[in-house]
Amino acid sequence: MSTLKNLISTHLSAEQVEAVNTALATLETALAAKVSNLSGDERRKYGSISEQNKLFVNKVNDYATGQAALRSPDVDWDEFTKDFNSRTVSEGTIARLQNLLTGISNSKTLHDYDNYQAALDDYAYTNYKTGTSASGYEAKQKELKQFFSRIRKVDEVQTNE
């Protein structure tokens, strides 16, 4: 069975890498004063509201905006509205960033696969050239073979016995 090679051949140019880095720096600067770093304990304490609770918050917001006379006087409604709007913007931003992250991660996976397959091809060629006593390949083979374990797995040992 032949191995698929070069699954991805799209690469960022130096200008595109610079544009991405500039955009990320701009985003980091824009959000620096607005992001919160929670400790593990704080994250557990405050958690994340469930989908059911999001629906509840949305319904309270609907009443607050649609029937202001029914709002509780104990709630700071200006702050509630700011929190609600910030939450909505954050959700949209997170969704967009997650889509980008997924795409970038998938591209990286394909680049990793391509690199690994090419490295295996190079290693096979190195082994071939070592067998021909070509100069320099024996040292390269010794360096590369350390990445391949000679120890059989327990399952293989039990299957073969």
Protein backbone atom coordinates (compact mmCIF):
# COMPACT_ATOMS: atom_id res chain seq x y z
CA MET A 1 0.00 0.00 0.00
CA SER A 2 1.45 3.32 -0.99
CA THR A 3 1.55 6.17 1.46
CA LEU A 4 -0.14 9.43 0.56
CA LYS A 5 2.40 12.19 0.28
CA ASN A 6 2.15 15.95 0.36
CA LEU A 7 -1.39 16.07 1.68
CA ILE A 8 -1.07 19.82 1.99
CA SER A 9 1.01 22.05 -0.20
CA THR A 10 -0.32 25.46 0.76
CA HIS A 11 2.19 27.50 2.70
CA LEU A 12 2.15 30.99 4.14
CA SER A 13 4.50 33.45 2.51
CA ALA A 14 6.79 35.57 4.68
CA GLU A 15 4.41 38.49 4.12
CA GLN A 16 1.41 36.39 5.21
CA VAL A 17 3.25 35.21 8.34
CA GLU A 18 4.02 38.85 9.15
CA ALA A 19 0.37 39.83 8.56
CA VAL A 20 -0.84 37.03 10.86
CA ASN A 21 1.64 38.01 13.59
CA THR A 22 0.66 41.68 13.28
CA ALA A 23 -3.04 40.81 13.47
CA LEU A 24 -2.45 38.62 16.54
CA ALA A 25 -0.43 41.37 18.23
CA THR A 26 -3.20 43.86 17.49
CA LEU A 27 -5.80 41.49 18.92
CA GLU A 28 -3.69 40.82 22.02
CA THR A 29 -3.23 44.56 22.57
CA ALA A 30 -6.93 45.28 22.06
CA LEU A 31 -7.95 42.61 24.58
CA ALA A 32 -5.11 42.97 27.12
CA ALA A 33 -7.08 45.06 29.61
CA LYS A 34 -10.31 43.14 29.02
CA VAL A 35 -9.33 39.51 29.52
CA SER A 36 -9.38 37.79 32.89
CA ASN A 37 -6.97 35.16 34.10
CA LEU A 38 -8.76 32.89 36.52
CA SER A 39 -6.97 30.45 38.78
CA GLY A 40 -8.11 26.84 38.76
CA ASP A 41 -10.01 27.44 42.00
CA GLU A 42 -11.70 30.53 40.58
CA ARG A 43 -12.65 28.68 37.42
CA ARG A 44 -14.23 25.91 39.53
CA LYS A 45 -15.95 28.47 41.77
CA TYR A 46 -17.47 30.57 38.98
CA GLY A 47 -17.64 27.85 36.36
CA SER A 48 -19.58 28.31 33.19
CA ILE A 49 -23.32 28.71 33.04
CA SER A 50 -25.13 25.83 31.38
CA GLU A 51 -27.20 26.14 28.24
CA GLN A 52 -30.34 26.11 30.37
CA ASN A 53 -29.01 29.00 32.46
CA LYS A 54 -28.04 30.91 29.30
CA LEU A 55 -31.65 30.61 28.15
CA PHE A 56 -32.73 31.90 31.57
CA VAL A 57 -30.39 34.91 31.33
CA ASN A 58 -31.60 35.59 27.79
CA LYS A 59 -35.23 35.51 28.93
CA VAL A 60 -34.51 37.90 31.82
CA ASN A 61 -32.79 40.19 29.33
CA ASP A 62 -35.83 40.00 27.04
CA TYR A 63 -38.10 41.06 29.90
CA ALA A 64 -35.68 43.76 31.04
CA THR A 65 -35.56 45.32 27.59
CA GLY A 66 -39.17 44.65 26.58
CA GLN A 67 -40.99 45.34 29.84
CA ALA A 68 -38.78 47.61 31.91
CA ALA A 69 -41.51 48.14 34.52
CA LEU A 70 -41.09 44.49 35.60
CA ARG A 71 -37.35 44.81 36.36
CA SER A 72 -36.08 44.31 39.89
CA PRO A 73 -34.80 47.50 41.53
CA ASP A 74 -32.08 45.41 43.21
CA VAL A 75 -30.27 44.76 39.91
CA ASP A 76 -27.85 47.24 38.37
CA TRP A 77 -29.42 47.05 34.92
CA ASP A 78 -26.76 49.18 33.24
CA GLU A 79 -24.11 46.71 34.42
CA PHE A 80 -26.37 43.76 33.51
CA THR A 81 -26.70 45.11 29.97
CA LYS A 82 -22.95 45.72 29.68
CA ASP A 83 -22.23 42.18 30.95
CA PHE A 84 -24.84 40.73 28.59
CA ASN A 85 -23.41 42.57 25.58
CA SER A 86 -19.83 41.65 26.55
CA ARG A 87 -20.86 38.01 26.95
CA THR A 88 -22.51 38.06 23.52
CA VAL A 89 -19.45 39.63 21.88
CA SER A 90 -17.16 37.17 23.72
CA GLU A 91 -19.19 34.17 22.53
CA GLY A 92 -19.01 35.35 18.93
CA THR A 93 -15.31 36.08 19.19
CA ILE A 94 -14.62 32.69 20.78
CA ALA A 95 -16.57 30.91 18.04
CA ARG A 96 -14.62 32.70 15.33
CA LEU A 97 -11.29 32.06 17.05
CA GLN A 98 -12.18 28.39 17.60
CA ASN A 99 -12.95 28.03 13.89
CA LEU A 100 -9.59 29.58 13.06
CA LEU A 101 -7.85 27.42 15.65
CA THR A 102 -9.47 24.27 14.26
CA GLY A 103 -8.40 25.16 10.72
CA ILE A 104 -4.86 26.03 11.78
CA SER A 105 -4.64 22.85 13.86
CA ASN A 106 -5.87 20.74 10.93
CA SER A 107 -3.32 22.36 8.62
CA LYS A 108 -0.57 21.73 11.16
CA THR A 109 -1.64 18.08 11.40
CA LEU A 110 -1.30 17.70 7.63
CA HIS A 111 2.07 19.48 7.59
CA ASP A 112 3.24 17.23 10.46
CA TYR A 113 2.09 14.15 8.54
CA ASP A 114 3.86 15.31 5.37
CA ASN A 115 7.07 16.02 7.31
CA TYR A 116 6.96 12.63 9.04
CA GLN A 117 6.37 10.72 5.78
CA ALA A 118 9.21 12.59 4.09
CA ALA A 119 11.46 11.90 7.09
CA LEU A 120 10.60 8.18 6.86
CA ASP A 121 11.47 8.25 3.14
CA ASP A 122 14.77 9.94 3.95
CA TYR A 123 15.49 7.35 6.65
CA ALA A 124 14.76 4.51 4.23
CA TYR A 125 17.10 6.12 1.69
CA THR A 126 19.74 6.53 4.40
CA ASN A 127 19.46 2.82 5.26
CA TYR A 128 19.81 1.95 1.57
CA LYS A 129 22.88 4.18 1.16
CA THR A 130 24.41 2.77 4.36
CA GLY A 131 24.17 -0.67 2.75
CA THR A 132 26.16 0.60 -0.22
CA SER A 133 28.88 1.98 2.08
CA ALA A 134 28.32 5.48 0.74
CA SER A 135 30.25 8.08 2.68
CA GLY A 136 28.52 9.82 5.61
CA TYR A 137 25.36 7.73 5.72
CA GLU A 138 26.41 5.38 8.52
CA ALA A 139 26.74 8.25 11.03
CA LYS A 140 23.41 9.67 9.90
CA GLN A 141 21.75 6.27 10.27
CA LYS A 142 23.12 5.86 13.80
CA GLU A 143 21.74 9.28 14.73
CA LEU A 144 18.32 8.56 13.24
CA LYS A 145 17.82 4.98 14.40
CA GLN A 146 17.63 6.10 18.03
CA PHE A 147 14.07 7.25 17.25
CA PHE A 148 12.96 3.70 16.44
CA SER A 149 12.46 1.34 19.36
CA ARG A 150 13.77 -2.20 19.05
CA ILE A 151 11.76 -3.39 22.06
CA ARG A 152 8.67 -5.40 21.16
CA LYS A 153 5.44 -4.43 22.80
CA VAL A 154 3.94 -6.78 25.40
CA ASP A 155 0.99 -7.59 23.10
CA GLU A 156 3.36 -8.62 20.30
CA VAL A 157 5.33 -10.88 22.66
CA GLN A 158 2.17 -12.59 23.93
CA THR A 159 0.79 -13.03 20.39
CA ASN A 160 4.01 -14.61 19.14
CA GLU A 161 4.31 -17.11 21.99
